[in-house]
């Protein structure tokens, strides 16, 4: 393993190096998994295990996440790679098209991808989303508008939706 700054999480496996970056905001803690200068996963966490930010991509992630939570940007311009089945990729791609501050139902998302009877499968695909917030699965709600399922928990989903609404009201 190569020398690294104290607290920086780098893991070698084969020829690959996995970097772990933490974004710890007053409202949320996120753990980014970065490989080959590409975000491959975002996980929700209780607290950051380190505060080291090294490299252009890491600084860009931190800058864009701060800007998003401050309401300065509404979408991200960050390199990411999501691995999934063809159906999951289709769901995630359509999810990226949902405008900031808007919500749609699982059934509506199923209709948009041409699979009107696949609302539950859409929910399962969203549950497997490896890049939440950037792929904004928090914008999908139940058919009655009720908040349902979210990898970070319903309080986090509620906070993200309320945040987007608050930003829209300010603009």
N, C-alpha and C. Protein backbone atom coordinates (compact mmCIF):
# COMPACT_ATOMS: atom_id res chain seq x y z
N UNK A 1 0.85 -1.18 0.00
CA UNK A 1 0.00 0.00 0.00
C UNK A 1 0.89 1.24 0.00
N UNK A 2 0.49 2.24 -0.77
CA UNK A 2 1.28 3.46 -0.87
C UNK A 2 1.10 4.35 0.35
N UNK A 3 2.05 5.27 0.57
CA UNK A 3 1.95 6.21 1.68
C UNK A 3 0.74 7.10 1.45
N UNK A 4 0.05 7.45 2.53
CA UNK A 4 -1.15 8.28 2.41
C UNK A 4 -1.23 9.23 3.59
N UNK A 5 -1.89 10.36 3.42
CA UNK A 5 -2.06 11.28 4.54
C UNK A 5 -2.82 10.59 5.67
N UNK A 6 -2.49 10.95 6.90
CA UNK A 6 -3.18 10.36 8.03
C UNK A 6 -4.68 10.62 7.92
N UNK A 7 -5.46 9.57 8.08
CA UNK A 7 -6.91 9.71 8.03
C UNK A 7 -7.50 9.48 6.66
N UNK A 8 -6.70 9.49 5.60
CA UNK A 8 -7.22 9.26 4.26
C UNK A 8 -7.44 7.77 4.07
N UNK A 9 -8.62 7.40 3.62
CA UNK A 9 -8.94 5.99 3.45
C UNK A 9 -8.69 5.58 2.01
N UNK A 10 -7.64 4.83 1.78
CA UNK A 10 -7.33 4.26 0.47
C UNK A 10 -7.16 2.77 0.64
N UNK A 11 -7.81 2.01 -0.22
CA UNK A 11 -7.72 0.57 -0.15
C UNK A 11 -7.31 0.05 -1.51
N UNK A 12 -6.30 -0.82 -1.53
CA UNK A 12 -5.85 -1.45 -2.76
C UNK A 12 -6.49 -2.80 -2.91
N UNK A 13 -6.96 -3.09 -4.11
CA UNK A 13 -7.39 -4.44 -4.43
C UNK A 13 -7.04 -4.68 -5.88
N UNK A 14 -6.13 -5.65 -6.07
CA UNK A 14 -5.60 -5.88 -7.41
C UNK A 14 -4.89 -4.62 -7.90
N UNK A 15 -5.23 -4.19 -9.09
CA UNK A 15 -4.64 -2.99 -9.68
C UNK A 15 -5.43 -1.72 -9.32
N UNK A 16 -6.53 -1.90 -8.62
CA UNK A 16 -7.43 -0.78 -8.32
C UNK A 16 -7.15 -0.20 -6.94
N UNK A 17 -7.46 1.09 -6.81
CA UNK A 17 -7.40 1.76 -5.51
C UNK A 17 -8.77 2.38 -5.27
N UNK A 18 -9.35 2.07 -4.12
CA UNK A 18 -10.63 2.61 -3.72
C UNK A 18 -10.39 3.69 -2.68
N UNK A 19 -10.88 4.89 -2.95
CA UNK A 19 -10.76 6.00 -2.01
C UNK A 19 -12.12 6.22 -1.36
N UNK A 20 -12.11 6.46 -0.07
CA UNK A 20 -13.32 6.78 0.68
C UNK A 20 -13.24 8.24 1.09
N UNK A 21 -14.28 9.00 0.76
CA UNK A 21 -14.36 10.42 1.09
C UNK A 21 -15.65 10.65 1.87
N UNK A 22 -15.56 11.43 2.93
CA UNK A 22 -16.74 11.73 3.74
C UNK A 22 -17.17 13.18 3.56
N UNK A 23 -18.47 13.36 3.40
CA UNK A 23 -19.08 14.68 3.40
C UNK A 23 -19.96 14.74 4.63
N UNK A 24 -19.58 15.57 5.59
CA UNK A 24 -20.32 15.66 6.84
C UNK A 24 -20.93 17.05 6.93
N UNK A 25 -22.23 17.13 6.75
CA UNK A 25 -22.97 18.38 6.76
C UNK A 25 -23.87 18.38 7.99
N UNK A 26 -24.35 19.53 8.37
CA UNK A 26 -25.23 19.61 9.54
C UNK A 26 -26.44 18.69 9.40
N UNK A 27 -26.90 18.47 8.16
CA UNK A 27 -28.12 17.70 7.94
C UNK A 27 -27.88 16.24 7.56
N UNK A 28 -26.65 15.91 7.14
CA UNK A 28 -26.44 14.58 6.57
C UNK A 28 -24.95 14.23 6.56
N UNK A 29 -24.66 12.94 6.63
CA UNK A 29 -23.30 12.45 6.46
C UNK A 29 -23.30 11.46 5.31
N UNK A 30 -22.42 11.67 4.36
CA UNK A 30 -22.33 10.80 3.19
C UNK A 30 -20.92 10.26 3.06
N UNK A 31 -20.84 9.01 2.65
CA UNK A 31 -19.56 8.35 2.39
C UNK A 31 -19.49 8.08 0.88
N UNK A 32 -18.53 8.66 0.22
CA UNK A 32 -18.33 8.48 -1.22
C UNK A 32 -17.26 7.43 -1.45
N UNK A 33 -17.55 6.47 -2.32
CA UNK A 33 -16.55 5.51 -2.77
C UNK A 33 -16.10 5.96 -4.15
N UNK A 34 -14.80 6.16 -4.31
CA UNK A 34 -14.23 6.70 -5.55
C UNK A 34 -13.19 5.72 -6.07
N UNK A 35 -13.33 5.40 -7.34
CA UNK A 35 -12.37 4.52 -8.01
C UNK A 35 -12.06 5.12 -9.37
N UNK A 36 -10.79 5.21 -9.73
CA UNK A 36 -10.37 5.76 -11.02
C UNK A 36 -11.01 7.13 -11.29
N UNK A 37 -10.99 8.01 -10.31
CA UNK A 37 -11.55 9.36 -10.43
C UNK A 37 -13.02 9.37 -10.83
N UNK A 38 -13.76 8.37 -10.34
CA UNK A 38 -15.18 8.24 -10.62
C UNK A 38 -15.90 7.80 -9.35
N UNK A 39 -17.02 8.44 -9.03
CA UNK A 39 -17.84 8.02 -7.89
C UNK A 39 -18.52 6.72 -8.27
N UNK A 40 -18.34 5.68 -7.46
CA UNK A 40 -18.99 4.41 -7.74
C UNK A 40 -20.08 4.09 -6.72
N UNK A 41 -20.10 4.81 -5.60
CA UNK A 41 -21.15 4.60 -4.61
C UNK A 41 -21.20 5.78 -3.65
N UNK A 42 -22.40 6.03 -3.14
CA UNK A 42 -22.61 6.99 -2.05
C UNK A 42 -23.42 6.25 -0.99
N UNK A 43 -22.90 6.26 0.22
CA UNK A 43 -23.58 5.59 1.33
C UNK A 43 -23.91 6.63 2.40
N UNK A 44 -24.99 6.40 3.11
CA UNK A 44 -25.34 7.26 4.23
C UNK A 44 -24.60 6.76 5.45
N UNK A 45 -24.12 7.68 6.28
CA UNK A 45 -23.35 7.28 7.46
C UNK A 45 -23.77 8.14 8.65
N UNK A 46 -23.40 7.69 9.83
CA UNK A 46 -23.73 8.44 11.05
C UNK A 46 -22.72 9.54 11.33
N UNK A 47 -21.45 9.28 11.01
CA UNK A 47 -20.42 10.29 11.21
C UNK A 47 -19.25 10.01 10.28
N UNK A 48 -18.52 11.06 9.95
CA UNK A 48 -17.35 10.94 9.10
C UNK A 48 -16.23 10.27 9.88
N UNK A 49 -15.55 9.33 9.26
CA UNK A 49 -14.44 8.66 9.90
C UNK A 49 -13.13 9.38 9.68
N UNK A 50 -13.11 10.33 8.75
CA UNK A 50 -11.95 11.19 8.58
C UNK A 50 -12.41 12.48 7.92
N UNK A 51 -11.53 13.46 7.88
CA UNK A 51 -11.87 14.76 7.28
C UNK A 51 -10.89 15.15 6.19
N UNK A 52 -10.12 14.19 5.70
CA UNK A 52 -9.12 14.47 4.68
C UNK A 52 -9.79 14.61 3.32
N UNK A 53 -9.44 15.70 2.62
CA UNK A 53 -9.92 15.91 1.26
C UNK A 53 -8.68 16.15 0.42
N UNK A 54 -8.38 15.18 -0.47
CA UNK A 54 -7.17 15.27 -1.27
C UNK A 54 -7.50 15.01 -2.73
N UNK A 55 -7.05 15.88 -3.61
CA UNK A 55 -7.25 15.68 -5.04
C UNK A 55 -8.38 16.53 -5.59
N UNK A 56 -8.31 16.77 -6.88
CA UNK A 56 -9.28 17.64 -7.55
C UNK A 56 -10.70 17.08 -7.48
N UNK A 57 -10.87 15.78 -7.70
CA UNK A 57 -12.22 15.22 -7.65
C UNK A 57 -12.81 15.34 -6.25
N UNK A 58 -12.04 15.01 -5.23
CA UNK A 58 -12.54 15.11 -3.86
C UNK A 58 -12.94 16.54 -3.52
N UNK A 59 -12.11 17.49 -3.92
CA UNK A 59 -12.46 18.90 -3.67
C UNK A 59 -13.71 19.29 -4.45
N UNK A 60 -13.83 18.79 -5.67
CA UNK A 60 -15.02 19.07 -6.48
C UNK A 60 -16.28 18.49 -5.87
N UNK A 61 -16.18 17.28 -5.34
CA UNK A 61 -17.33 16.66 -4.67
C UNK A 61 -17.75 17.52 -3.48
N UNK A 62 -16.79 17.87 -2.66
CA UNK A 62 -17.10 18.67 -1.47
C UNK A 62 -17.71 20.01 -1.86
N UNK A 63 -17.13 20.65 -2.85
CA UNK A 63 -17.62 21.96 -3.30
C UNK A 63 -19.05 21.84 -3.83
N UNK A 64 -19.31 20.84 -4.66
CA UNK A 64 -20.65 20.70 -5.23
C UNK A 64 -21.68 20.27 -4.19
N UNK A 65 -21.29 19.40 -3.26
CA UNK A 65 -22.24 19.01 -2.21
C UNK A 65 -22.59 20.21 -1.33
N UNK A 66 -21.58 20.99 -0.95
CA UNK A 66 -21.84 22.20 -0.16
C UNK A 66 -22.75 23.14 -0.93
N UNK A 67 -22.47 23.34 -2.23
CA UNK A 67 -23.27 24.25 -3.05
C UNK A 67 -24.71 23.73 -3.18
N UNK A 68 -24.88 22.42 -3.29
CA UNK A 68 -26.22 21.86 -3.39
C UNK A 68 -26.99 22.10 -2.09
N UNK A 69 -26.34 21.86 -0.95
CA UNK A 69 -27.01 22.07 0.33
C UNK A 69 -27.21 23.54 0.66
N UNK A 70 -26.45 24.42 0.04
CA UNK A 70 -26.67 25.86 0.21
C UNK A 70 -27.68 26.40 -0.80
N UNK A 71 -28.13 25.55 -1.71
CA UNK A 71 -29.11 25.97 -2.71
C UNK A 71 -28.50 26.73 -3.88
N UNK A 72 -27.19 26.64 -4.05
CA UNK A 72 -26.52 27.37 -5.12
C UNK A 72 -26.53 26.61 -6.44
N UNK A 73 -26.65 25.28 -6.39
CA UNK A 73 -26.77 24.46 -7.60
C UNK A 73 -27.93 23.49 -7.41
N UNK A 74 -28.49 23.02 -8.53
CA UNK A 74 -29.63 22.11 -8.45
C UNK A 74 -29.34 20.75 -9.08
N UNK A 75 -28.22 20.65 -9.76
CA UNK A 75 -27.80 19.35 -10.29
C UNK A 75 -26.29 19.29 -10.20
N UNK A 76 -25.78 18.08 -10.32
CA UNK A 76 -24.36 17.85 -10.13
C UNK A 76 -23.65 17.63 -11.46
N UNK A 77 -22.40 18.03 -11.48
CA UNK A 77 -21.54 17.78 -12.63
C UNK A 77 -20.32 17.01 -12.11
N UNK A 78 -20.58 15.76 -11.74
CA UNK A 78 -19.55 14.91 -11.16
C UNK A 78 -19.50 13.59 -11.90
N UNK A 79 -18.32 13.03 -12.10
CA UNK A 79 -18.24 11.74 -12.79
C UNK A 79 -18.70 10.61 -11.87
N UNK A 80 -19.64 9.81 -12.36
CA UNK A 80 -20.09 8.66 -11.59
C UNK A 80 -20.35 7.50 -12.52
N UNK A 81 -20.33 6.32 -11.94
CA UNK A 81 -20.60 5.10 -12.70
C UNK A 81 -21.47 4.21 -11.84
N UNK A 82 -22.67 3.91 -12.33
CA UNK A 82 -23.60 3.06 -11.61
C UNK A 82 -23.71 1.73 -12.33
N UNK A 83 -23.45 0.66 -11.62
CA UNK A 83 -23.54 -0.68 -12.18
C UNK A 83 -24.88 -1.29 -11.79
N UNK A 84 -25.58 -1.82 -12.79
CA UNK A 84 -26.86 -2.46 -12.50
C UNK A 84 -27.35 -3.25 -13.69
N UNK A 85 -28.53 -3.82 -13.54
CA UNK A 85 -29.15 -4.55 -14.64
C UNK A 85 -29.63 -3.55 -15.69
N UNK A 86 -29.93 -4.01 -16.89
CA UNK A 86 -30.48 -3.08 -17.89
C UNK A 86 -31.74 -2.37 -17.38
N UNK A 87 -32.60 -3.08 -16.66
CA UNK A 87 -33.81 -2.45 -16.11
C UNK A 87 -33.45 -1.38 -15.09
N UNK A 88 -32.54 -1.68 -14.18
CA UNK A 88 -32.13 -0.69 -13.18
C UNK A 88 -31.55 0.54 -13.84
N UNK A 89 -30.68 0.33 -14.83
CA UNK A 89 -30.07 1.47 -15.53
C UNK A 89 -31.13 2.33 -16.21
N UNK A 90 -32.15 1.71 -16.78
CA UNK A 90 -33.24 2.45 -17.41
C UNK A 90 -33.99 3.29 -16.37
N UNK A 91 -34.27 2.71 -15.21
CA UNK A 91 -34.95 3.43 -14.13
C UNK A 91 -34.10 4.59 -13.65
N UNK A 92 -32.82 4.36 -13.41
CA UNK A 92 -31.95 5.41 -12.91
C UNK A 92 -31.79 6.54 -13.92
N UNK A 93 -31.68 6.18 -15.19
CA UNK A 93 -31.56 7.20 -16.23
C UNK A 93 -32.81 8.09 -16.27
N UNK A 94 -33.97 7.49 -16.15
CA UNK A 94 -35.21 8.27 -16.15
C UNK A 94 -35.32 9.11 -14.88
N UNK A 95 -34.83 8.60 -13.77
CA UNK A 95 -34.85 9.32 -12.50
C UNK A 95 -34.02 10.60 -12.60
N UNK A 96 -32.93 10.55 -13.35
CA UNK A 96 -32.10 11.75 -13.54
C UNK A 96 -32.87 12.89 -14.23
N UNK A 97 -33.95 12.58 -14.91
CA UNK A 97 -34.73 13.58 -15.65
C UNK A 97 -35.77 14.29 -14.79
N UNK A 98 -35.98 13.83 -13.57
CA UNK A 98 -36.99 14.45 -12.70
C UNK A 98 -36.44 15.78 -12.20
N UNK A 99 -37.16 16.88 -12.48
CA UNK A 99 -36.66 18.20 -12.10
C UNK A 99 -36.50 18.37 -10.58
N UNK A 100 -35.55 19.17 -10.23
CA UNK A 100 -35.28 19.55 -8.84
C UNK A 100 -36.57 20.05 -8.19
N UNK A 101 -36.87 19.56 -7.01
CA UNK A 101 -38.03 20.03 -6.27
C UNK A 101 -39.34 19.37 -6.66
N UNK A 102 -39.33 18.50 -7.64
CA UNK A 102 -40.55 17.82 -8.05
C UNK A 102 -40.50 16.36 -7.61
N UNK A 103 -41.68 15.77 -7.45
CA UNK A 103 -41.77 14.36 -7.15
C UNK A 103 -42.72 13.69 -8.14
N UNK A 104 -42.50 12.41 -8.35
CA UNK A 104 -43.42 11.59 -9.12
C UNK A 104 -43.57 10.26 -8.39
N UNK A 105 -44.60 9.52 -8.74
CA UNK A 105 -44.83 8.23 -8.09
C UNK A 105 -44.02 7.13 -8.77
N UNK A 106 -43.91 6.01 -8.07
CA UNK A 106 -43.26 4.84 -8.65
C UNK A 106 -44.00 4.41 -9.91
N UNK A 107 -45.34 4.48 -9.86
CA UNK A 107 -46.15 4.11 -11.02
C UNK A 107 -45.90 5.02 -12.20
N UNK A 108 -45.78 6.33 -11.93
CA UNK A 108 -45.50 7.27 -13.03
C UNK A 108 -44.13 7.00 -13.63
N UNK A 109 -43.16 6.70 -12.81
CA UNK A 109 -41.83 6.39 -13.33
C UNK A 109 -41.89 5.11 -14.18
N UNK A 110 -42.66 4.13 -13.72
CA UNK A 110 -42.84 2.90 -14.50
C UNK A 110 -43.46 3.21 -15.86
N UNK A 111 -44.46 4.09 -15.88
CA UNK A 111 -45.09 4.48 -17.16
C UNK A 111 -44.08 5.19 -18.06
N UNK A 112 -43.26 6.05 -17.49
CA UNK A 112 -42.28 6.80 -18.28
C UNK A 112 -41.25 5.91 -18.95
N UNK A 113 -40.97 4.76 -18.36
CA UNK A 113 -40.00 3.85 -18.98
C UNK A 113 -40.70 2.80 -19.84
N UNK A 114 -42.02 2.94 -20.01
CA UNK A 114 -42.75 2.02 -20.87
C UNK A 114 -43.11 0.71 -20.22
N UNK A 115 -43.09 0.66 -18.89
CA UNK A 115 -43.42 -0.56 -18.14
C UNK A 115 -44.48 -0.22 -17.09
N UNK A 116 -45.70 0.13 -17.51
CA UNK A 116 -46.71 0.66 -16.58
C UNK A 116 -47.10 -0.26 -15.43
N UNK A 117 -46.87 -1.54 -15.54
CA UNK A 117 -47.22 -2.46 -14.46
C UNK A 117 -46.04 -2.79 -13.55
N UNK A 118 -44.94 -2.09 -13.73
CA UNK A 118 -43.71 -2.44 -13.02
C UNK A 118 -43.38 -1.49 -11.87
N UNK A 119 -44.38 -0.91 -11.21
CA UNK A 119 -44.11 0.04 -10.13
C UNK A 119 -43.28 -0.58 -9.01
N UNK A 120 -43.58 -1.81 -8.65
CA UNK A 120 -42.80 -2.46 -7.57
C UNK A 120 -41.37 -2.75 -8.01
N UNK A 121 -41.21 -3.14 -9.27
CA UNK A 121 -39.86 -3.38 -9.80
C UNK A 121 -39.08 -2.07 -9.85
N UNK A 122 -39.77 -0.97 -10.16
CA UNK A 122 -39.13 0.35 -10.14
C UNK A 122 -38.65 0.66 -8.72
N UNK A 123 -39.49 0.37 -7.73
CA UNK A 123 -39.09 0.58 -6.34
C UNK A 123 -37.87 -0.23 -5.97
N UNK A 124 -37.83 -1.47 -6.43
CA UNK A 124 -36.66 -2.32 -6.15
C UNK A 124 -35.41 -1.77 -6.83
N UNK A 125 -35.57 -1.30 -8.06
CA UNK A 125 -34.42 -0.71 -8.78
C UNK A 125 -33.91 0.53 -8.06
N UNK A 126 -34.83 1.36 -7.58
CA UNK A 126 -34.42 2.56 -6.86
C UNK A 126 -33.75 2.20 -5.54
N UNK A 127 -34.21 1.11 -4.92
CA UNK A 127 -33.59 0.64 -3.69
C UNK A 127 -32.15 0.18 -3.90
N UNK A 128 -31.82 -0.18 -5.14
CA UNK A 128 -30.46 -0.62 -5.47
C UNK A 128 -29.60 0.52 -6.02
N UNK A 129 -30.14 1.74 -6.07
CA UNK A 129 -29.41 2.90 -6.60
C UNK A 129 -28.12 3.11 -5.80
N UNK A 130 -26.95 2.97 -6.43
CA UNK A 130 -25.70 3.13 -5.69
C UNK A 130 -25.27 4.59 -5.52
N UNK A 131 -25.95 5.51 -6.20
CA UNK A 131 -25.52 6.92 -6.19
C UNK A 131 -26.69 7.83 -5.77
N UNK A 132 -27.26 7.64 -4.57
CA UNK A 132 -28.38 8.50 -4.17
C UNK A 132 -27.97 9.96 -4.10
N UNK A 133 -28.91 10.82 -4.21
CA UNK A 133 -28.82 12.28 -4.27
C UNK A 133 -28.39 12.70 -5.67
N UNK A 134 -27.28 12.18 -6.18
CA UNK A 134 -26.88 12.51 -7.55
C UNK A 134 -27.88 11.90 -8.53
N UNK A 135 -28.21 10.62 -8.35
CA UNK A 135 -29.36 10.02 -9.03
C UNK A 135 -30.49 10.19 -8.01
N UNK A 136 -31.37 11.18 -8.20
CA UNK A 136 -32.26 11.65 -7.13
C UNK A 136 -33.47 10.77 -6.85
N UNK A 137 -33.22 9.57 -6.35
CA UNK A 137 -34.30 8.63 -6.05
C UNK A 137 -35.20 9.13 -4.92
N UNK A 138 -34.74 10.13 -4.17
CA UNK A 138 -35.59 10.69 -3.12
C UNK A 138 -36.81 11.41 -3.69
N UNK A 139 -36.81 11.69 -5.00
CA UNK A 139 -37.93 12.39 -5.64
C UNK A 139 -39.07 11.46 -6.05
N UNK A 140 -38.95 10.18 -5.73
CA UNK A 140 -40.00 9.21 -6.07
C UNK A 140 -40.79 8.90 -4.80
N UNK A 141 -42.11 9.02 -4.91
CA UNK A 141 -43.00 8.83 -3.76
C UNK A 141 -44.09 7.81 -4.10
N UNK A 142 -44.85 7.43 -3.10
CA UNK A 142 -45.96 6.52 -3.31
C UNK A 142 -47.06 7.15 -4.15
N UNK A 143 -48.01 6.35 -4.58
CA UNK A 143 -49.08 6.83 -5.48
C UNK A 143 -49.95 7.90 -4.84
N UNK A 144 -50.01 7.95 -3.50
CA UNK A 144 -50.81 8.96 -2.80
C UNK A 144 -49.97 10.17 -2.41
N UNK A 145 -48.69 10.16 -2.77
CA UNK A 145 -47.79 11.23 -2.38
C UNK A 145 -47.05 10.95 -1.08
N UNK A 146 -47.39 9.83 -0.45
CA UNK A 146 -46.75 9.46 0.81
C UNK A 146 -45.30 9.04 0.56
N UNK A 147 -44.44 9.40 1.51
CA UNK A 147 -43.04 8.98 1.41
C UNK A 147 -42.93 7.50 1.73
N UNK A 148 -42.26 6.79 0.85
CA UNK A 148 -42.03 5.36 1.04
C UNK A 148 -40.59 5.06 0.70
N UNK A 149 -40.06 3.99 1.23
CA UNK A 149 -38.74 3.48 0.96
C UNK A 149 -37.65 4.45 0.55
N UNK A 150 -36.54 4.38 1.26
CA UNK A 150 -35.36 5.17 0.90
C UNK A 150 -34.19 4.59 1.67
N UNK A 151 -33.08 4.37 0.98
CA UNK A 151 -31.91 3.75 1.60
C UNK A 151 -31.38 4.50 2.81
N UNK A 152 -31.53 5.81 2.83
CA UNK A 152 -31.06 6.61 3.95
C UNK A 152 -32.09 6.76 5.05
N UNK A 153 -33.28 6.16 4.85
CA UNK A 153 -34.37 6.27 5.82
C UNK A 153 -35.32 7.40 5.44
N UNK A 154 -36.55 7.27 5.87
CA UNK A 154 -37.58 8.27 5.52
C UNK A 154 -37.29 9.66 6.08
N UNK A 155 -36.69 9.80 7.29
CA UNK A 155 -36.36 11.16 7.75
C UNK A 155 -35.38 11.88 6.80
N UNK A 156 -34.41 11.15 6.26
CA UNK A 156 -33.45 11.75 5.31
C UNK A 156 -34.17 12.10 4.01
N UNK A 157 -35.03 11.22 3.52
CA UNK A 157 -35.79 11.49 2.29
C UNK A 157 -36.64 12.75 2.49
N UNK A 158 -37.31 12.82 3.61
CA UNK A 158 -38.14 13.99 3.92
C UNK A 158 -37.30 15.26 3.97
N UNK A 159 -36.14 15.18 4.60
CA UNK A 159 -35.25 16.34 4.69
C UNK A 159 -34.78 16.79 3.31
N UNK A 160 -34.42 15.85 2.44
CA UNK A 160 -33.94 16.20 1.09
C UNK A 160 -35.05 16.88 0.29
N UNK A 161 -36.27 16.34 0.36
CA UNK A 161 -37.39 16.95 -0.36
C UNK A 161 -37.72 18.32 0.21
N UNK A 162 -37.73 18.46 1.53
CA UNK A 162 -38.00 19.75 2.17
C UNK A 162 -36.92 20.76 1.79
N UNK A 163 -35.68 20.31 1.74
CA UNK A 163 -34.58 21.19 1.34
C UNK A 163 -34.81 21.74 -0.06
N UNK A 164 -35.16 20.87 -1.00
CA UNK A 164 -35.39 21.31 -2.38
C UNK A 164 -36.55 22.30 -2.44
N UNK A 165 -37.61 22.05 -1.69
CA UNK A 165 -38.75 22.97 -1.67
C UNK A 165 -38.37 24.32 -1.09
N UNK A 166 -37.58 24.31 -0.03
CA UNK A 166 -37.11 25.53 0.60
C UNK A 166 -36.28 26.36 -0.37
N UNK A 167 -35.38 25.71 -1.09
CA UNK A 167 -34.54 26.41 -2.07
C UNK A 167 -35.41 27.03 -3.17
N UNK A 168 -36.40 26.28 -3.64
CA UNK A 168 -37.29 26.81 -4.69
C UNK A 168 -38.06 28.03 -4.19
N UNK A 169 -38.48 28.03 -2.95
CA UNK A 169 -39.22 29.17 -2.39
C UNK A 169 -38.34 30.42 -2.29
N UNK A 170 -37.04 30.22 -2.05
CA UNK A 170 -36.10 31.34 -1.94
C UNK A 170 -35.78 31.98 -3.28
N UNK A 171 -35.96 31.20 -4.37
CA UNK A 171 -35.52 31.72 -5.68
C UNK A 171 -36.62 32.40 -6.44
